[in-house]
């Protein structure tokens, strides 16, 4: 027996309605991620000079093999580190990022890959 998708929205409060909301939310998340990745790729062109200083710092840190990841929840950014950084990346982070004022450091942290990205 096969079922077909209906164009009639499910009644609010039913399992079908919650499932549809979850599917819609997942599609929205995938679109947002694709847009963010596309924007990051276009902004990360080091030769064009279009990147911000915070993006450049984040990209330089990652190019040194840095492993820190950002966790953003309700616009609160936290940086997690499960694996030890190579010495060059650790030194760069301590000298170039940790010394920044809090608002500028947050901007760099926002450019790190999130814990949700592969």
C-alpha atoms as a PDB file:
ATOM      1  CA  UNK A   1       0.000   0.000   0.000  1.00  0.00           C
ATOM      2  CA  UNK A   2       1.418   3.382  -0.938  1.00  0.00           C
ATOM      3  CA  UNK A   3       0.416   6.718   0.406  1.00  0.00           C
ATOM      4  CA  UNK A   4       0.619  10.011  -1.365  1.00  0.00           C
ATOM      5  CA  UNK A   5       1.581  13.350   0.070  1.00  0.00           C
ATOM      6  CA  UNK A   6      -1.308  15.685   0.619  1.00  0.00           C
ATOM      7  CA  UNK A   7      -1.209  19.406   0.001  1.00  0.00           C
ATOM      8  CA  UNK A   8      -3.612  19.887   2.902  1.00  0.00           C
ATOM      9  CA  UNK A   9      -1.685  20.984   5.999  1.00  0.00           C
ATOM     10  CA  UNK A  10      -2.085  18.655   8.975  1.00  0.00           C
ATOM     11  CA  UNK A  11      -4.235  19.686  11.900  1.00  0.00           C
ATOM     12  CA  UNK A  12      -2.277  21.639  14.486  1.00  0.00           C
ATOM     13  CA  UNK A  13      -1.140  19.620  17.501  1.00  0.00           C
ATOM     14  CA  UNK A  14      -1.113  16.261  15.750  1.00  0.00           C
ATOM     15  CA  UNK A  15       1.943  14.072  15.258  1.00  0.00           C
ATOM     16  CA  UNK A  16       1.709  14.770  11.536  1.00  0.00           C
ATOM     17  CA  UNK A  17       1.833  18.529  12.179  1.00  0.00           C
ATOM     18  CA  UNK A  18       4.897  18.197  14.398  1.00  0.00           C
ATOM     19  CA  UNK A  19       6.569  15.995  11.777  1.00  0.00           C
ATOM     20  CA  UNK A  20       5.869  18.544   9.054  1.00  0.00           C
ATOM     21  CA  UNK A  21       7.297  21.305  11.253  1.00  0.00           C
ATOM     22  CA  UNK A  22      10.437  19.244  11.832  1.00  0.00           C
ATOM     23  CA  UNK A  23      10.867  18.562   8.111  1.00  0.00           C
ATOM     24  CA  UNK A  24      10.359  22.240   7.294  1.00  0.00           C
ATOM     25  CA  UNK A  25      12.811  23.283  10.012  1.00  0.00           C
ATOM     26  CA  UNK A  26      15.406  20.820   8.698  1.00  0.00           C
ATOM     27  CA  UNK A  27      15.037  22.196   5.165  1.00  0.00           C
ATOM     28  CA  UNK A  28      15.400  25.742   6.528  1.00  0.00           C
ATOM     29  CA  UNK A  29      18.546  24.726   8.468  1.00  0.00           C
ATOM     30  CA  UNK A  30      20.058  23.105   5.371  1.00  0.00           C
ATOM     31  CA  UNK A  31      19.372  26.227   3.293  1.00  0.00           C
ATOM     32  CA  UNK A  32      20.868  28.485   5.971  1.00  0.00           C
ATOM     33  CA  UNK A  33      23.981  26.303   6.188  1.00  0.00           C
ATOM     34  CA  UNK A  34      24.398  26.267   2.409  1.00  0.00           C
ATOM     35  CA  UNK A  35      24.069  30.067   2.306  1.00  0.00           C
ATOM     36  CA  UNK A  36      26.552  30.506   5.161  1.00  0.00           C
ATOM     37  CA  UNK A  37      29.076  28.213   3.482  1.00  0.00           C
ATOM     38  CA  UNK A  38      28.670  30.023   0.163  1.00  0.00           C
ATOM     39  CA  UNK A  39      29.134  33.403   1.902  1.00  0.00           C
ATOM     40  CA  UNK A  40      32.177  32.171   3.822  1.00  0.00           C
ATOM     41  CA  UNK A  41      33.780  30.801   0.647  1.00  0.00           C
ATOM     42  CA  UNK A  42      33.284  34.061  -1.197  1.00  0.00           C
ATOM     43  CA  UNK A  43      34.586  36.087   1.769  1.00  0.00           C
ATOM     44  CA  UNK A  44      37.591  33.861   2.383  1.00  0.00           C
ATOM     45  CA  UNK A  45      39.402  34.784  -0.789  1.00  0.00           C
ATOM     46  CA  UNK A  46      42.621  36.031   0.830  1.00  0.00           C
ATOM     47  CA  UNK A  47      43.963  37.583  -2.369  1.00  0.00           C
ATOM     48  CA  UNK A  48      40.952  39.778  -3.010  1.00  0.00           C
ATOM     49  CA  UNK A  49      41.343  41.764   0.207  1.00  0.00           C
ATOM     50  CA  UNK A  50      37.602  41.488   0.854  1.00  0.00           C
ATOM     51  CA  UNK A  51      37.888  39.473   4.077  1.00  0.00           C
ATOM     52  CA  UNK A  52      37.516  41.120   7.444  1.00  0.00           C
ATOM     53  CA  UNK A  53      40.411  41.099   9.921  1.00  0.00           C
ATOM     54  CA  UNK A  54      38.526  38.630  12.135  1.00  0.00           C
ATOM     55  CA  UNK A  55      37.922  36.274   9.194  1.00  0.00           C
ATOM     56  CA  UNK A  56      41.592  36.480   8.273  1.00  0.00           C
ATOM     57  CA  UNK A  57      42.631  35.618  11.847  1.00  0.00           C
ATOM     58  CA  UNK A  58      40.263  32.639  11.931  1.00  0.00           C
ATOM     59  CA  UNK A  59      41.452  31.381   8.542  1.00  0.00           C
ATOM     60  CA  UNK A  60      45.119  31.824   9.509  1.00  0.00           C
ATOM     61  CA  UNK A  61      44.540  29.903  12.758  1.00  0.00           C
ATOM     62  CA  UNK A  62      42.813  27.063  10.892  1.00  0.00           C
ATOM     63  CA  UNK A  63      45.530  26.990   8.232  1.00  0.00           C
ATOM     64  CA  UNK A  64      48.052  26.355  11.027  1.00  0.00           C
ATOM     65  CA  UNK A  65      46.083  23.223  11.924  1.00  0.00           C
ATOM     66  CA  UNK A  66      43.989  24.674  14.775  1.00  0.00           C
ATOM     67  CA  UNK A  67      41.239  22.409  16.138  1.00  0.00           C
ATOM     68  CA  UNK A  68      39.040  24.802  18.120  1.00  0.00           C
ATOM     69  CA  UNK A  69      35.346  24.805  17.217  1.00  0.00           C
ATOM     70  CA  UNK A  70      32.652  27.293  18.085  1.00  0.00           C
ATOM     71  CA  UNK A  71      29.365  26.419  19.693  1.00  0.00           C
ATOM     72  CA  UNK A  72      26.719  29.060  19.104  1.00  0.00           C
ATOM     73  CA  UNK A  73      23.483  28.767  21.041  1.00  0.00           C
ATOM     74  CA  UNK A  74      21.021  31.653  21.343  1.00  0.00           C
ATOM     75  CA  UNK A  75      23.722  34.014  20.009  1.00  0.00           C
ATOM     76  CA  UNK A  76      26.086  33.002  22.819  1.00  0.00           C
ATOM     77  CA  UNK A  77      29.403  31.819  21.412  1.00  0.00           C
ATOM     78  CA  UNK A  78      31.578  29.347  23.277  1.00  0.00           C
ATOM     79  CA  UNK A  79      34.780  27.811  21.931  1.00  0.00           C
ATOM     80  CA  UNK A  80      35.485  24.127  22.476  1.00  0.00           C
ATOM     81  CA  UNK A  81      38.718  22.271  21.960  1.00  0.00           C
ATOM     82  CA  UNK A  82      38.817  18.472  22.150  1.00  0.00           C
ATOM     83  CA  UNK A  83      42.125  17.886  20.351  1.00  0.00           C
ATOM     84  CA  UNK A  84      45.405  19.583  21.128  1.00  0.00           C
ATOM     85  CA  UNK A  85      46.494  22.211  18.622  1.00  0.00           C
ATOM     86  CA  UNK A  86      49.854  22.016  16.867  1.00  0.00           C
ATOM     87  CA  UNK A  87      52.346  24.322  18.648  1.00  0.00           C
ATOM     88  CA  UNK A  88      52.177  26.974  15.889  1.00  0.00           C
ATOM     89  CA  UNK A  89      48.378  27.147  16.033  1.00  0.00           C
ATOM     90  CA  UNK A  90      48.358  27.242  19.843  1.00  0.00           C
ATOM     91  CA  UNK A  91      50.923  30.059  19.873  1.00  0.00           C
ATOM     92  CA  UNK A  92      48.970  31.971  17.206  1.00  0.00           C
ATOM     93  CA  UNK A  93      45.725  31.643  19.211  1.00  0.00           C
ATOM     94  CA  UNK A  94      47.334  32.816  22.454  1.00  0.00           C
ATOM     95  CA  UNK A  95      49.194  35.736  20.865  1.00  0.00           C
ATOM     96  CA  UNK A  96      46.763  36.896  18.177  1.00  0.00           C
ATOM     97  CA  UNK A  97      43.257  35.951  19.353  1.00  0.00           C
ATOM     98  CA  UNK A  98      43.215  35.708  23.155  1.00  0.00           C
ATOM     99  CA  UNK A  99      44.748  39.179  23.417  1.00  0.00           C
ATOM    100  CA  UNK A 100      41.884  40.805  21.481  1.00  0.00           C
ATOM    101  CA  UNK A 101      39.090  42.697  23.245  1.00  0.00           C
ATOM    102  CA  UNK A 102      36.089  40.464  23.972  1.00  0.00           C
ATOM    103  CA  UNK A 103      33.929  41.759  21.097  1.00  0.00           C
ATOM    104  CA  UNK A 104      36.698  41.321  18.512  1.00  0.00           C
ATOM    105  CA  UNK A 105      37.579  37.863  19.875  1.00  0.00           C
ATOM    106  CA  UNK A 106      33.902  36.848  19.501  1.00  0.00           C
ATOM    107  CA  UNK A 107      34.013  37.886  15.849  1.00  0.00           C
ATOM    108  CA  UNK A 108      36.996  35.588  15.257  1.00  0.00           C
ATOM    109  CA  UNK A 109      35.273  32.762  17.158  1.00  0.00           C
ATOM    110  CA  UNK A 110      32.155  33.194  15.011  1.00  0.00           C
ATOM    111  CA  UNK A 111      34.254  32.361  11.916  1.00  0.00           C
ATOM    112  CA  UNK A 112      35.520  29.064  13.352  1.00  0.00           C
ATOM    113  CA  UNK A 113      33.768  25.916  12.173  1.00  0.00           C
ATOM    114  CA  UNK A 114      30.930  25.014  14.517  1.00  0.00           C
ATOM    115  CA  UNK A 115      30.657  21.768  16.426  1.00  0.00           C
ATOM    116  CA  UNK A 116      27.798  20.899  14.050  1.00  0.00           C
ATOM    117  CA  UNK A 117      29.965  21.050  10.903  1.00  0.00           C
ATOM    118  CA  UNK A 118      31.866  17.947   9.809  1.00  0.00           C
END
